[in-house]
Amino acid sequence: MTLSEINTKVTALTGASTVQYPTAQRVIDYNIWHKNIVGMILDSQDETDYDDPNWGDFPRKVTPLTVNRDYGINATERMLKIKDMTIFYDGVTGYRATPLEYSATEYPDAPASATTQNTSIDNQYSRTSPRYDVKFNSVFIYPRATAQDVSNGGYIFMEWFRQPKEITSSDWTTGTKEPGFDDNFHIMVVFGMASEYLVGKDMKRYKNVVDKLNEYETRLRRQYSSKQLDRKASLSGDYQSYK
């Protein structure tokens, strides 16, 4: 369904004119429900990786290494969660980094200087098995890169899951764009928007809309949890010792 078709269906379902349910509010409610539905997809997907095609690119980035431990995540990336990270300290060979909860790690008392402290921390980790922690809207890597790594063109390659691309009032007026997920569930945006308008105004119709929305959510979760079927299953013996 295009945005124009969604707009027409929302009007029919709510019985509201653009005066009663103005375009500005419809755009807000559309973006709310597009994000809600994408959240359901990310929560239920199998090993396939969903991303909104309306972005026009892939959620991946190459970031040059610096001698700092932390690398800020720009809010414009709309990042929800990291999928994977690989660090190329020498600019040639990459090593997959694994997540770390640094606050749960115990270390000796901090040395006198920050430089000595950082060196002490880095000594706990291997460059061939790096770790990372996400905090304060930044990624912290362990161990840090050296000045030589920076000189060699070292970098971080990262992929992530992100929010869908929001539409604008201009997009709504043009009406040609479509939600960035399977089209048999585009109607969920309609029911979602209708629920936003009807709540507190017509609770009987609101309940009917929410019931339909819940039915579609069940189907959506089932569909996105079984997209990757090209996987061969195998059975193997389970050794047990009875000594």
C-alpha atoms as a PDB file:
ATOM      1  CA  MET A   1       0.000   0.000   0.000  1.00  0.00           C
ATOM      2  CA  THR A   2       1.260   3.466  -0.842  1.00  0.00           C
ATOM      3  CA  LEU A   3       0.970   6.328   1.599  1.00  0.00           C
ATOM      4  CA  SER A   4      -1.912   7.666  -0.469  1.00  0.00           C
ATOM      5  CA  GLU A   5      -3.771   4.354  -0.163  1.00  0.00           C
ATOM      6  CA  ILE A   6      -3.027   4.189   3.556  1.00  0.00           C
ATOM      7  CA  ASN A   7      -4.391   7.709   3.975  1.00  0.00           C
ATOM      8  CA  THR A   8      -7.605   6.783   2.147  1.00  0.00           C
ATOM      9  CA  LYS A   9      -8.063   3.632   4.228  1.00  0.00           C
ATOM     10  CA  VAL A  10      -7.454   5.509   7.505  1.00  0.00           C
ATOM     11  CA  THR A  11     -10.141   8.037   6.551  1.00  0.00           C
ATOM     12  CA  ALA A  12     -12.592   5.237   5.729  1.00  0.00           C
ATOM     13  CA  LEU A  13     -11.838   3.352   8.941  1.00  0.00           C
ATOM     14  CA  THR A  14     -12.056   6.338  11.276  1.00  0.00           C
ATOM     15  CA  GLY A  15     -14.680   8.373   9.430  1.00  0.00           C
ATOM     16  CA  ALA A  16     -12.493  11.423  10.155  1.00  0.00           C
ATOM     17  CA  SER A  17     -11.843  14.195   7.695  1.00  0.00           C
ATOM     18  CA  THR A  18      -8.473  15.877   7.375  1.00  0.00           C
ATOM     19  CA  VAL A  19      -9.891  18.641   9.562  1.00  0.00           C
ATOM     20  CA  GLN A  20     -10.747  16.204  12.352  1.00  0.00           C
ATOM     21  CA  TYR A  21      -7.596  14.143  11.787  1.00  0.00           C
ATOM     22  CA  PRO A  22      -5.125  16.595  10.203  1.00  0.00           C
ATOM     23  CA  THR A  23      -2.210  15.579   8.022  1.00  0.00           C
ATOM     24  CA  ALA A  24       0.401  16.636  10.567  1.00  0.00           C
ATOM     25  CA  GLN A  25      -1.084  14.260  13.148  1.00  0.00           C
ATOM     26  CA  ARG A  26      -1.441  11.465  10.597  1.00  0.00           C
ATOM     27  CA  VAL A  27       2.262  11.723   9.749  1.00  0.00           C
ATOM     28  CA  ILE A  28       3.183  11.518  13.445  1.00  0.00           C
ATOM     29  CA  ASP A  29       0.948   8.483  13.995  1.00  0.00           C
ATOM     30  CA  TYR A  30       2.241   6.795  10.842  1.00  0.00           C
ATOM     31  CA  ASN A  31       5.842   7.132  12.024  1.00  0.00           C
ATOM     32  CA  ILE A  32       4.904   5.841  15.478  1.00  0.00           C
ATOM     33  CA  TRP A  33       3.282   2.726  14.079  1.00  0.00           C
ATOM     34  CA  HIS A  34       5.895   2.105  11.417  1.00  0.00           C
ATOM     35  CA  LYS A  35       8.466   2.012  14.245  1.00  0.00           C
ATOM     36  CA  ASN A  36       6.208  -0.189  16.393  1.00  0.00           C
ATOM     37  CA  ILE A  37       5.820  -2.733  13.606  1.00  0.00           C
ATOM     38  CA  VAL A  38       9.527  -2.751  12.807  1.00  0.00           C
ATOM     39  CA  GLY A  39      10.145  -3.373  16.501  1.00  0.00           C
ATOM     40  CA  MET A  40       7.904  -6.451  16.273  1.00  0.00           C
ATOM     41  CA  ILE A  41       9.867  -7.633  13.237  1.00  0.00           C
ATOM     42  CA  LEU A  42      13.253  -7.216  14.911  1.00  0.00           C
ATOM     43  CA  ASP A  43      11.952  -8.957  18.014  1.00  0.00           C
ATOM     44  CA  SER A  44      10.692 -11.995  16.095  1.00  0.00           C
ATOM     45  CA  GLN A  45      12.986 -12.354  13.043  1.00  0.00           C
ATOM     46  CA  ASP A  46      15.081 -15.457  12.499  1.00  0.00           C
ATOM     47  CA  GLU A  47      18.620 -15.268  11.108  1.00  0.00           C
ATOM     48  CA  THR A  48      17.494 -12.958   8.314  1.00  0.00           C
ATOM     49  CA  ASP A  49      18.307  -9.301   8.985  1.00  0.00           C
ATOM     50  CA  TYR A  50      15.547  -6.762   8.449  1.00  0.00           C
ATOM     51  CA  ASP A  51      16.253  -3.190   7.367  1.00  0.00           C
ATOM     52  CA  ASP A  52      13.963  -0.528   5.927  1.00  0.00           C
ATOM     53  CA  PRO A  53      14.724  -0.318   2.167  1.00  0.00           C
ATOM     54  CA  ASN A  54      13.577   3.325   2.196  1.00  0.00           C
ATOM     55  CA  TRP A  55      16.989   4.223   3.624  1.00  0.00           C
ATOM     56  CA  GLY A  56      18.554   3.364   0.270  1.00  0.00           C
ATOM     57  CA  ASP A  57      21.754   1.972   1.794  1.00  0.00           C
ATOM     58  CA  PHE A  58      22.885  -0.668   4.274  1.00  0.00           C
ATOM     59  CA  PRO A  59      23.358  -0.186   8.037  1.00  0.00           C
ATOM     60  CA  ARG A  60      27.106  -0.640   8.041  1.00  0.00           C
ATOM     61  CA  LYS A  61      30.024   1.678   8.551  1.00  0.00           C
ATOM     62  CA  VAL A  62      33.814   1.837   8.338  1.00  0.00           C
ATOM     63  CA  THR A  63      35.340   3.998  11.083  1.00  0.00           C
ATOM     64  CA  PRO A  64      39.087   4.814  11.091  1.00  0.00           C
ATOM     65  CA  LEU A  65      40.861   3.878  14.307  1.00  0.00           C
ATOM     66  CA  THR A  66      42.156   6.530  16.676  1.00  0.00           C
ATOM     67  CA  VAL A  67      44.234   6.217  19.824  1.00  0.00           C
ATOM     68  CA  ASN A  68      41.085   6.817  21.879  1.00  0.00           C
ATOM     69  CA  ARG A  69      39.089   3.932  23.313  1.00  0.00           C
ATOM     70  CA  ASP A  70      35.636   5.327  22.557  1.00  0.00           C
ATOM     71  CA  TYR A  71      33.908   5.950  19.237  1.00  0.00           C
ATOM     72  CA  GLY A  72      30.719   7.993  19.250  1.00  0.00           C
ATOM     73  CA  ILE A  73      27.526   6.744  17.600  1.00  0.00           C
ATOM     74  CA  ASN A  74      25.913   9.569  15.651  1.00  0.00           C
ATOM     75  CA  ALA A  75      22.197   9.950  16.406  1.00  0.00           C
ATOM     76  CA  THR A  76      21.513  10.210  12.664  1.00  0.00           C
ATOM     77  CA  GLU A  77      22.454   6.534  12.334  1.00  0.00           C
ATOM     78  CA  ARG A  78      19.176   5.658  14.161  1.00  0.00           C
ATOM     79  CA  MET A  79      20.992   2.641  15.607  1.00  0.00           C
ATOM     80  CA  LEU A  80      18.933   0.239  17.721  1.00  0.00           C
ATOM     81  CA  LYS A  81      21.446  -2.508  18.387  1.00  0.00           C
ATOM     82  CA  ILE A  82      24.769  -3.708  17.038  1.00  0.00           C
ATOM     83  CA  LYS A  83      24.792  -6.806  14.841  1.00  0.00           C
ATOM     84  CA  ASP A  84      28.536  -7.353  14.563  1.00  0.00           C
ATOM     85  CA  MET A  85      31.869  -5.554  14.787  1.00  0.00           C
ATOM     86  CA  THR A  86      35.249  -6.405  13.286  1.00  0.00           C
ATOM     87  CA  ILE A  87      38.447  -4.537  14.124  1.00  0.00           C
ATOM     88  CA  PHE A  88      41.324  -4.289  11.624  1.00  0.00           C
ATOM     89  CA  TYR A  89      44.139  -3.044  13.840  1.00  0.00           C
ATOM     90  CA  ASP A  90      46.733  -3.241  11.075  1.00  0.00           C
ATOM     91  CA  GLY A  91      44.341  -2.205   8.306  1.00  0.00           C
ATOM     92  CA  VAL A  92      44.615  -5.676   6.714  1.00  0.00           C
ATOM     93  CA  THR A  93      43.517  -8.516   8.984  1.00  0.00           C
ATOM     94  CA  GLY A  94      40.194  -8.296  10.765  1.00  0.00           C
ATOM     95  CA  TYR A  95      39.224  -9.906  14.062  1.00  0.00           C
ATOM     96  CA  ARG A  96      35.643 -10.234  15.172  1.00  0.00           C
ATOM     97  CA  ALA A  97      35.028  -8.298  18.397  1.00  0.00           C
ATOM     98  CA  THR A  98      32.701  -9.747  21.018  1.00  0.00           C
ATOM     99  CA  PRO A  99      30.522  -7.824  23.479  1.00  0.00           C
ATOM    100  CA  LEU A 100      31.753  -7.063  26.969  1.00  0.00           C
ATOM    101  CA  GLU A 101      30.028  -5.628  30.018  1.00  0.00           C
ATOM    102  CA  TYR A 102      32.984  -3.698  31.352  1.00  0.00           C
ATOM    103  CA  SER A 103      31.292  -2.640  34.597  1.00  0.00           C
ATOM    104  CA  ALA A 104      31.037  -6.311  35.571  1.00  0.00           C
ATOM    105  CA  THR A 105      34.798  -6.804  35.176  1.00  0.00           C
ATOM    106  CA  GLU A 106      37.121  -6.474  38.124  1.00  0.00           C
ATOM    107  CA  TYR A 107      40.576  -4.895  37.859  1.00  0.00           C
ATOM    108  CA  PRO A 108      43.249  -3.848  40.361  1.00  0.00           C
ATOM    109  CA  ASP A 109      43.171  -0.361  41.835  1.00  0.00           C
ATOM    110  CA  ALA A 110      43.707   2.367  39.264  1.00  0.00           C
ATOM    111  CA  PRO A 111      47.360   3.441  38.779  1.00  0.00           C
ATOM    112  CA  ALA A 112      48.413   7.014  39.324  1.00  0.00           C
ATOM    113  CA  SER A 113      48.117   8.175  35.707  1.00  0.00           C
ATOM    114  CA  ALA A 114      45.381   7.676  33.125  1.00  0.00           C
ATOM    115  CA  THR A 115      47.945   6.496  30.581  1.00  0.00           C
ATOM    116  CA  THR A 116      49.226   3.783  32.912  1.00  0.00           C
ATOM    117  CA  GLN A 117      45.669   2.820  33.787  1.00  0.00           C
ATOM    118  CA  ASN A 118      44.697   2.435  30.124  1.00  0.00           C
ATOM    119  CA  THR A 119      47.780   0.333  29.476  1.00  0.00           C
ATOM    120  CA  SER A 120      46.909  -1.856  32.450  1.00  0.00           C
ATOM    121  CA  ILE A 121      43.385  -2.323  31.101  1.00  0.00           C
ATOM    122  CA  ASP A 122      44.550  -3.070  27.553  1.00  0.00           C
ATOM    123  CA  ASN A 123      46.940  -5.716  28.842  1.00  0.00           C
ATOM    124  CA  GLN A 124      43.902  -7.754  29.890  1.00  0.00           C
ATOM    125  CA  TYR A 125      42.772  -8.177  26.263  1.00  0.00           C
ATOM    126  CA  SER A 126      44.079  -9.610  23.008  1.00  0.00           C
ATOM    127  CA  ARG A 127      44.210  -7.829  19.649  1.00  0.00           C
ATOM    128  CA  THR A 128      43.281 -11.127  17.985  1.00  0.00           C
ATOM    129  CA  SER A 129      40.209 -11.455  20.196  1.00  0.00           C
ATOM    130  CA  PRO A 130      39.075  -7.880  20.856  1.00  0.00           C
ATOM    131  CA  ARG A 131      36.081  -6.895  22.953  1.00  0.00           C
ATOM    132  CA  TYR A 132      33.711  -3.931  22.934  1.00  0.00           C
ATOM    133  CA  ASP A 133      31.231  -2.298  25.280  1.00  0.00           C
ATOM    134  CA  VAL A 134      28.382   0.042  24.289  1.00  0.00           C
ATOM    135  CA  LYS A 135      27.762   2.873  26.738  1.00  0.00           C
ATOM    136  CA  PHE A 136      27.056   6.601  26.787  1.00  0.00           C
ATOM    137  CA  ASN A 137      25.998   6.390  23.118  1.00  0.00           C
ATOM    138  CA  SER A 138      29.521   5.292  22.201  1.00  0.00           C
ATOM    139  CA  VAL A 139      31.400   2.076  21.466  1.00  0.00           C
ATOM    140  CA  PHE A 140      34.429   1.390  23.695  1.00  0.00           C
ATOM    141  CA  ILE A 141      36.999  -1.075  22.327  1.00  0.00           C
ATOM    142  CA  TYR A 142      39.446  -3.269  24.262  1.00  0.00           C
ATOM    143  CA  PRO A 143      42.339  -3.066  23.606  1.00  0.00           C
ATOM    144  CA  ARG A 144      42.767   0.425  22.185  1.00  0.00           C
ATOM    145  CA  ALA A 145      44.524   1.060  18.893  1.00  0.00           C
ATOM    146  CA  THR A 146      48.073   2.365  18.885  1.00  0.00           C
ATOM    147  CA  ALA A 147      49.513   5.288  16.949  1.00  0.00           C
ATOM    148  CA  GLN A 148      51.082   2.718  14.625  1.00  0.00           C
ATOM    149  CA  ASP A 149      47.661   1.158  13.967  1.00  0.00           C
ATOM    150  CA  VAL A 150      46.319   4.584  13.044  1.00  0.00           C
ATOM    151  CA  SER A 151      49.303   5.154  10.725  1.00  0.00           C
ATOM    152  CA  ASN A 152      48.671   1.760   9.080  1.00  0.00           C
ATOM    153  CA  GLY A 153      45.080   2.688   8.271  1.00  0.00           C
ATOM    154  CA  GLY A 154      43.425   0.551  10.935  1.00  0.00           C
ATOM    155  CA  TYR A 155      39.634   0.669  11.073  1.00  0.00           C
ATOM    156  CA  ILE A 156      36.454  -0.732  12.589  1.00  0.00           C
ATOM    157  CA  PHE A 157      33.803  -2.344  10.408  1.00  0.00           C
ATOM    158  CA  MET A 158      30.390  -2.416  12.053  1.00  0.00           C
ATOM    159  CA  GLU A 159      26.840  -3.474  11.135  1.00  0.00           C
ATOM    160  CA  TRP A 160      23.745  -2.666  13.140  1.00  0.00           C
ATOM    161  CA  PHE A 161      19.949  -2.727  13.237  1.00  0.00           C
ATOM    162  CA  ARG A 162      18.251   0.639  12.931  1.00  0.00           C
ATOM    163  CA  GLN A 163      14.877   2.336  13.039  1.00  0.00           C
ATOM    164  CA  PRO A 164      12.822   2.686   9.870  1.00  0.00           C
ATOM    165  CA  LYS A 165      13.180   5.916   7.957  1.00  0.00           C
ATOM    166  CA  GLU A 166      10.597   8.464   9.036  1.00  0.00           C
ATOM    167  CA  ILE A 167       8.321  10.084   6.468  1.00  0.00           C
ATOM    168  CA  THR A 168       7.637  13.811   6.216  1.00  0.00           C
ATOM    169  CA  SER A 169       4.481  15.784   5.452  1.00  0.00           C
ATOM    170  CA  SER A 170       5.852  16.195   1.934  1.00  0.00           C
ATOM    171  CA  ASP A 171       6.114  12.399   1.549  1.00  0.00           C
ATOM    172  CA  TRP A 172       2.552  12.053   2.804  1.00  0.00           C
ATOM    173  CA  THR A 173       1.273  14.601   0.279  1.00  0.00           C
ATOM    174  CA  THR A 174       3.129  12.978  -2.610  1.00  0.00           C
ATOM    175  CA  GLY A 175       1.771   9.636  -1.431  1.00  0.00           C
ATOM    176  CA  THR A 176       3.941   7.282  -3.493  1.00  0.00           C
ATOM    177  CA  LYS A 177       6.182   5.763  -0.806  1.00  0.00           C
ATOM    178  CA  GLU A 178       5.379   2.466   0.904  1.00  0.00           C
ATOM    179  CA  PRO A 179       6.193   1.052   4.347  1.00  0.00           C
ATOM    180  CA  GLY A 180       9.479  -0.854   4.302  1.00  0.00           C
ATOM    181  CA  PHE A 181       8.191  -4.306   5.246  1.00  0.00           C
ATOM    182  CA  ASP A 182       6.159  -7.135   3.657  1.00  0.00           C
ATOM    183  CA  ASP A 183       3.156  -5.614   1.928  1.00  0.00           C
ATOM    184  CA  ASN A 184       0.635  -8.109   3.320  1.00  0.00           C
ATOM    185  CA  PHE A 185       1.145  -6.337   6.651  1.00  0.00           C
ATOM    186  CA  HIS A 186       0.898  -2.729   5.431  1.00  0.00           C
ATOM    187  CA  ILE A 187      -2.664  -2.715   6.727  1.00  0.00           C
ATOM    188  CA  MET A 188      -1.222  -2.828  10.258  1.00  0.00           C
ATOM    189  CA  VAL A 189      -0.150   0.804   9.875  1.00  0.00           C
ATOM    190  CA  VAL A 190      -3.753   1.664   9.024  1.00  0.00           C
ATOM    191  CA  PHE A 191      -5.129  -0.121  12.085  1.00  0.00           C
ATOM    192  CA  GLY A 192      -2.409   1.400  14.247  1.00  0.00           C
ATOM    193  CA  MET A 193      -3.155   4.933  13.077  1.00  0.00           C
ATOM    194  CA  ALA A 194      -6.898   4.342  13.476  1.00  0.00           C
ATOM    195  CA  SER A 195      -6.355   3.169  17.038  1.00  0.00           C
ATOM    196  CA  GLU A 196      -4.488   6.403  17.829  1.00  0.00           C
ATOM    197  CA  TYR A 197      -7.423   8.459  16.554  1.00  0.00           C
ATOM    198  CA  LEU A 198     -10.301   6.390  17.956  1.00  0.00           C
ATOM    199  CA  VAL A 199      -9.023   5.915  21.523  1.00  0.00           C
ATOM    200  CA  GLY A 200     -11.186   8.004  23.825  1.00  0.00           C
ATOM    201  CA  LYS A 201     -13.552   8.905  20.986  1.00  0.00           C
ATOM    202  CA  ASP A 202     -15.252   5.649  20.028  1.00  0.00           C
ATOM    203  CA  MET A 203     -14.127   2.825  22.308  1.00  0.00           C
ATOM    204  CA  LYS A 204     -16.222   0.156  20.565  1.00  0.00           C
ATOM    205  CA  ARG A 205     -14.589   0.848  17.201  1.00  0.00           C
ATOM    206  CA  TYR A 206     -11.262   1.263  18.952  1.00  0.00           C
ATOM    207  CA  LYS A 207     -11.532  -2.235  20.434  1.00  0.00           C
ATOM    208  CA  ASN A 208     -12.413  -3.744  17.044  1.00  0.00           C
ATOM    209  CA  VAL A 209      -9.391  -2.045  15.470  1.00  0.00           C
ATOM    210  CA  VAL A 210      -7.042  -3.224  18.235  1.00  0.00           C
ATOM    211  CA  ASP A 211      -8.384  -6.789  17.948  1.00  0.00           C
ATOM    212  CA  LYS A 212      -7.579  -6.782  14.218  1.00  0.00           C
ATOM    213  CA  LEU A 213      -4.174  -5.287  14.924  1.00  0.00           C
ATOM    214  CA  ASN A 214      -3.411  -8.083  17.395  1.00  0.00           C
ATOM    215  CA  GLU A 215      -4.457 -10.716  14.845  1.00  0.00           C
ATOM    216  CA  TYR A 216      -2.093  -9.270  12.269  1.00  0.00           C
ATOM    217  CA  GLU A 217       0.729  -9.012  14.799  1.00  0.00           C
ATOM    218  CA  THR A 218       0.505 -12.751  15.446  1.00  0.00           C
ATOM    219  CA  ARG A 219       0.752 -13.442  11.715  1.00  0.00           C
ATOM    220  CA  LEU A 220       3.605 -10.966  11.237  1.00  0.00           C
ATOM    221  CA  ARG A 221       5.655 -12.529  14.033  1.00  0.00           C
ATOM    222  CA  ARG A 222       5.057 -15.991  12.576  1.00  0.00           C
ATOM    223  CA  GLN A 223       6.081 -14.888   9.075  1.00  0.00           C
ATOM    224  CA  TYR A 224       9.254 -13.063  10.124  1.00  0.00           C
ATOM    225  CA  SER A 225      10.319 -15.875  12.433  1.00  0.00           C
ATOM    226  CA  SER A 226      10.440 -18.371   9.558  1.00  0.00           C
ATOM    227  CA  LYS A 227      11.930 -16.570   6.567  1.00  0.00           C
ATOM    228  CA  GLN A 228      15.176 -18.518   6.473  1.00  0.00           C
ATOM    229  CA  LEU A 229      14.135 -22.080   5.650  1.00  0.00           C
ATOM    230  CA  ASP A 230      17.215 -23.037   3.624  1.00  0.00           C
ATOM    231  CA  ARG A 231      18.944 -24.648   6.567  1.00  0.00           C
ATOM    232  CA  LYS A 232      19.735 -28.367   6.717  1.00  0.00           C
ATOM    233  CA  ALA A 233      19.043 -30.052  10.024  1.00  0.00           C
ATOM    234  CA  SER A 234      21.140 -32.964  11.207  1.00  0.00           C
ATOM    235  CA  LEU A 235      21.060 -35.368  14.096  1.00  0.00           C
ATOM    236  CA  SER A 236      24.076 -36.581  16.002  1.00  0.00           C
ATOM    237  CA  GLY A 237      24.565 -38.954  18.881  1.00  0.00           C
ATOM    238  CA  ASP A 238      24.695 -37.569  22.383  1.00  0.00           C
ATOM    239  CA  TYR A 239      27.487 -39.280  24.279  1.00  0.00           C
ATOM    240  CA  GLN A 240      26.638 -40.154  27.862  1.00  0.00           C
ATOM    241  CA  SER A 241      28.917 -41.722  30.402  1.00  0.00           C
ATOM    242  CA  TYR A 242      27.416 -44.043  33.004  1.00  0.00           C
ATOM    243  CA  LYS A 243      30.593 -44.493  34.992  1.00  0.00           C
END
